[in-house]
């Protein structure tokens, strides 16, 4: 019970401090800021070109599987049991190949994304700290945590601009 009353007191103090007239609050959409930067666009272009061949291969295997499945549906009635079983076996092999290639590609893309995020995090932190100082913000919140705020409280565009000036 003592914990709850202490927590309530802290919350009351926090919210009373927020309501004072001289408190300056800002919001940023971290995801938008990070992925709208020039570095993110360059990263995306590099990823597309680097993994284009693998993506095409995954798509081709998927299309082959769909064609086999459609042929099996359409022609099953006129096929012999042996043909039908072989085609079903081929279809299962295509499905397994697709799952393997797709999983391998997704894993590689996820690793590259994590690498980009790890490289970008210090830059983003630097930009956010500079923004807080420049704008003399008392509180900076993620945009997703707020139900309503005026546009003048959103500093996402400024963060993107500052990220783009960093090299």
Foldseek 3Di string as FASTA:
>chain_A
DVVVVVVVVVVVVVVVVCPDPPAAEAEEAVVCLLCVAPVNVVLVVVLCVVCVVLVVVLVVLVVVLVVLVVCLVVCVVVDDPVVSVVSVVVSVVSVVVSVVSVVVSVVVVVVSVVVSCVVCVVVLVVLVVVCCVVVVHPYYYYPVVDPDDDPVRYCSVVSSVSSNVDD
